[in-house]
Amino acid sequence: MKKLQEILQEDVWQHWMRVENFDYLDFRSDIRGPLPEDLTWYLAEIEEKDINQLFIISSSDWADITGGTFRVADVVGRLHLQSSNPDTQRLSEDIQKKMMFLEAGGELDTKLIAVTNCPELKGPFTFIEGNRRSVALSARMDIVGRRIFVGTSPAIKDYGWAKKSFLFKQ
């Protein structure tokens, strides 16, 4: 991941509020609340070498569609597999709708939000906002070069929403 500039956490939260149309300050406290307090935030650019270091948030509803790895690239490879898992069906349908929207010329916000424990931004990277869009962009081979927000702290290794990223990183 290429660091472009350090940014304020408040700018990241303001962006997230706009993307998801939140109008209250304690939005997504389930994800933001447990984050380490010592995060340093950057605007960064995804590089080709990052592809296998991009992970979905460690939430149980993503387990089946990721094949248990929580890797974005693995979701791309499993999007069209048949599954009786309702979470997989729901996620797959939504991601495919996003892909069709993009293919028809639609635009989605691509400034996703990820976290890592690595101050040099070498990964692994866990998306805490924009998981479905990350898969849609990856499936279209359009994620490299995208600018995203990345928060870094050594304590991310203990952050519950990123735990699977450390089990399957390459």
Protein backbone atom coordinates (compact mmCIF):
# COMPACT_ATOMS: atom_id res chain seq x y z
CA MET A 1 0.00 0.00 0.00
CA LYS A 2 1.41 3.34 -0.96
CA LYS A 3 1.11 6.04 1.73
CA LEU A 4 -0.05 9.31 0.28
CA GLN A 5 -0.60 11.47 3.35
CA GLU A 6 -1.47 11.31 7.03
CA ILE A 7 -5.01 12.39 7.81
CA LEU A 8 -7.16 13.06 10.85
CA GLN A 9 -9.42 10.35 12.26
CA GLU A 10 -12.26 12.87 12.24
CA ASP A 11 -11.95 13.12 8.45
CA VAL A 12 -12.29 9.34 8.18
CA TRP A 13 -15.39 9.32 10.39
CA GLN A 14 -16.95 12.21 8.48
CA HIS A 15 -16.41 10.35 5.22
CA TRP A 16 -17.98 7.17 6.66
CA MET A 17 -20.98 9.15 7.87
CA ARG A 18 -21.50 10.61 4.38
CA VAL A 19 -21.11 7.26 2.59
CA GLU A 20 -23.62 5.45 4.77
CA ASN A 21 -25.90 8.45 5.40
CA PHE A 22 -25.50 8.38 9.18
CA ASP A 23 -26.73 11.45 10.99
CA TYR A 24 -25.68 10.54 14.51
CA LEU A 25 -22.19 10.69 15.97
CA ASP A 26 -22.13 7.26 17.58
CA PHE A 27 -22.69 5.46 14.24
CA ARG A 28 -21.26 1.95 13.91
CA SER A 29 -20.07 1.99 17.51
CA ASP A 30 -19.90 -1.82 17.33
CA ILE A 31 -17.00 -1.47 14.87
CA ARG A 32 -15.48 1.86 15.87
CA GLY A 33 -15.79 1.45 19.66
CA PRO A 34 -13.30 -1.43 20.04
CA LEU A 35 -10.69 0.18 17.76
CA PRO A 36 -7.39 0.99 19.47
CA GLU A 37 -7.07 4.61 20.58
CA ASP A 38 -3.58 5.01 19.10
CA LEU A 39 -4.57 4.69 15.43
CA THR A 40 -2.68 6.76 12.88
CA TRP A 41 -4.69 7.32 9.71
CA TYR A 42 -3.45 7.63 6.15
CA LEU A 43 -4.84 8.18 2.73
CA ALA A 44 -3.21 5.35 0.78
CA GLU A 45 -3.33 3.74 -2.64
CA ILE A 46 -3.87 0.03 -3.21
CA GLU A 47 -1.08 -1.60 -5.17
CA GLU A 48 -1.03 -4.91 -7.06
CA LYS A 49 1.10 -6.51 -4.33
CA ASP A 50 -1.69 -5.82 -1.79
CA ILE A 51 -4.36 -7.97 -3.47
CA ASN A 52 -3.76 -11.09 -1.32
CA GLN A 53 -3.47 -8.93 1.80
CA LEU A 54 -7.01 -7.49 1.53
CA PHE A 55 -9.52 -9.00 3.97
CA ILE A 56 -13.18 -8.71 4.80
CA ILE A 57 -14.21 -7.74 8.31
CA SER A 58 -14.09 -10.81 10.62
CA SER A 59 -17.85 -11.21 10.90
CA SER A 60 -19.48 -14.64 10.94
CA ASP A 61 -21.82 -13.81 8.05
CA TRP A 62 -18.77 -13.68 5.74
CA ALA A 63 -17.37 -17.10 6.79
CA ASP A 64 -19.09 -19.25 4.15
CA ILE A 65 -18.69 -16.94 1.15
CA THR A 66 -14.97 -16.50 1.89
CA GLY A 67 -14.37 -20.23 2.35
CA GLY A 68 -13.30 -19.36 5.87
CA THR A 69 -10.33 -17.22 4.84
CA PHE A 70 -12.03 -13.79 4.87
CA ARG A 71 -9.79 -12.81 1.96
CA VAL A 72 -11.39 -10.46 -0.60
CA ALA A 73 -9.88 -12.44 -3.50
CA ASP A 74 -11.46 -15.64 -2.20
CA VAL A 75 -14.91 -14.03 -2.16
CA VAL A 76 -14.40 -13.04 -5.80
CA GLY A 77 -13.66 -16.67 -6.66
CA ARG A 78 -16.72 -17.93 -4.78
CA LEU A 79 -19.34 -15.39 -5.87
CA HIS A 80 -21.07 -17.75 -8.27
CA LEU A 81 -20.90 -20.94 -6.19
CA GLN A 82 -24.19 -22.42 -5.14
CA SER A 83 -24.82 -22.17 -1.40
CA SER A 84 -27.78 -22.79 0.85
CA ASN A 85 -26.32 -20.38 3.38
CA PRO A 86 -28.65 -17.35 3.56
CA ASP A 87 -25.76 -14.98 4.41
CA THR A 88 -23.83 -16.16 1.36
CA GLN A 89 -26.88 -15.73 -0.86
CA ARG A 90 -27.56 -12.23 0.49
CA LEU A 91 -23.95 -11.08 0.19
CA SER A 92 -23.46 -12.60 -3.25
CA GLU A 93 -26.64 -11.01 -4.61
CA ASP A 94 -25.73 -7.59 -3.24
CA ILE A 95 -22.16 -7.75 -4.57
CA GLN A 96 -23.39 -8.83 -8.00
CA LYS A 97 -25.88 -5.93 -8.03
CA LYS A 98 -23.02 -3.56 -7.28
CA MET A 99 -20.99 -5.09 -10.11
CA MET A 100 -23.88 -4.69 -12.58
CA PHE A 101 -24.38 -1.10 -11.41
CA LEU A 102 -20.70 -0.37 -12.07
CA GLU A 103 -20.79 -2.13 -15.43
CA ALA A 104 -23.76 0.04 -16.43
CA GLY A 105 -21.68 3.16 -15.75
CA GLY A 106 -22.81 3.76 -12.17
CA GLU A 107 -20.45 5.13 -9.57
CA LEU A 108 -19.95 3.95 -6.01
CA ASP A 109 -17.80 5.53 -3.34
CA THR A 110 -14.43 3.80 -3.55
CA LYS A 111 -12.65 5.45 -0.63
CA LEU A 112 -12.99 2.38 1.58
CA ILE A 113 -11.76 2.18 5.16
CA ALA A 114 -9.27 -0.46 6.33
CA VAL A 115 -7.05 -1.12 9.32
CA THR A 116 -3.70 -2.84 9.75
CA ASN A 117 -1.10 -3.42 12.44
CA CYS A 118 1.75 -2.55 10.09
CA PRO A 119 2.93 1.09 10.18
CA GLU A 120 4.69 0.57 6.82
CA LEU A 121 1.29 -0.42 5.33
CA LYS A 122 2.41 -3.87 4.21
CA GLY A 123 -0.74 -5.61 5.48
CA PRO A 124 -2.76 -7.48 6.20
CA PHE A 125 -5.54 -4.96 5.64
CA THR A 126 -9.03 -5.49 7.03
CA PHE A 127 -11.88 -3.48 5.56
CA ILE A 128 -14.11 -2.11 8.30
CA GLU A 129 -16.21 -0.14 5.80
CA GLY A 130 -16.81 -1.01 2.15
CA ASN A 131 -16.49 -4.80 2.26
CA ARG A 132 -19.00 -5.48 -0.53
CA ARG A 133 -17.64 -2.66 -2.67
CA SER A 134 -14.11 -4.04 -2.20
CA VAL A 135 -15.27 -7.38 -3.62
CA ALA A 136 -17.18 -5.76 -6.50
CA LEU A 137 -14.15 -3.65 -7.42
CA SER A 138 -11.81 -6.64 -7.11
CA ALA A 139 -14.07 -8.83 -9.26
CA ARG A 140 -13.95 -6.14 -11.95
CA MET A 141 -10.14 -5.93 -11.53
CA ASP A 142 -10.59 -2.29 -10.61
CA ILE A 143 -9.30 -2.09 -7.05
CA VAL A 144 -5.60 -1.47 -7.76
CA GLY A 145 -4.93 2.26 -7.76
CA ARG A 146 -7.94 3.05 -5.57
CA ARG A 147 -7.34 5.50 -2.75
CA ILE A 148 -8.58 4.35 0.62
CA PHE A 149 -8.27 5.31 4.28
CA VAL A 150 -5.99 3.05 6.33
CA GLY A 151 -5.68 3.17 10.11
CA THR A 152 -2.62 1.60 11.67
CA SER A 153 -1.84 0.51 15.21
CA PRO A 154 0.15 -2.43 16.63
CA ALA A 155 -2.98 -3.23 18.68
CA ILE A 156 -5.00 -4.09 15.55
CA LYS A 157 -3.79 -7.66 16.08
CA ASP A 158 -6.09 -7.72 19.12
CA TYR A 159 -9.03 -6.02 17.36
CA GLY A 160 -11.82 -8.58 17.05
CA TRP A 161 -13.06 -7.41 13.66
CA ALA A 162 -9.59 -8.05 12.14
CA LYS A 163 -8.72 -11.38 13.81
CA LYS A 164 -9.19 -13.55 10.69
CA SER A 165 -6.80 -11.38 8.68
CA PHE A 166 -3.94 -12.56 10.82
CA LEU A 167 -4.81 -16.25 10.51
CA PHE A 168 -4.73 -16.28 6.71
CA LYS A 169 -2.30 -13.53 5.72
CA GLN A 170 0.37 -14.41 3.17
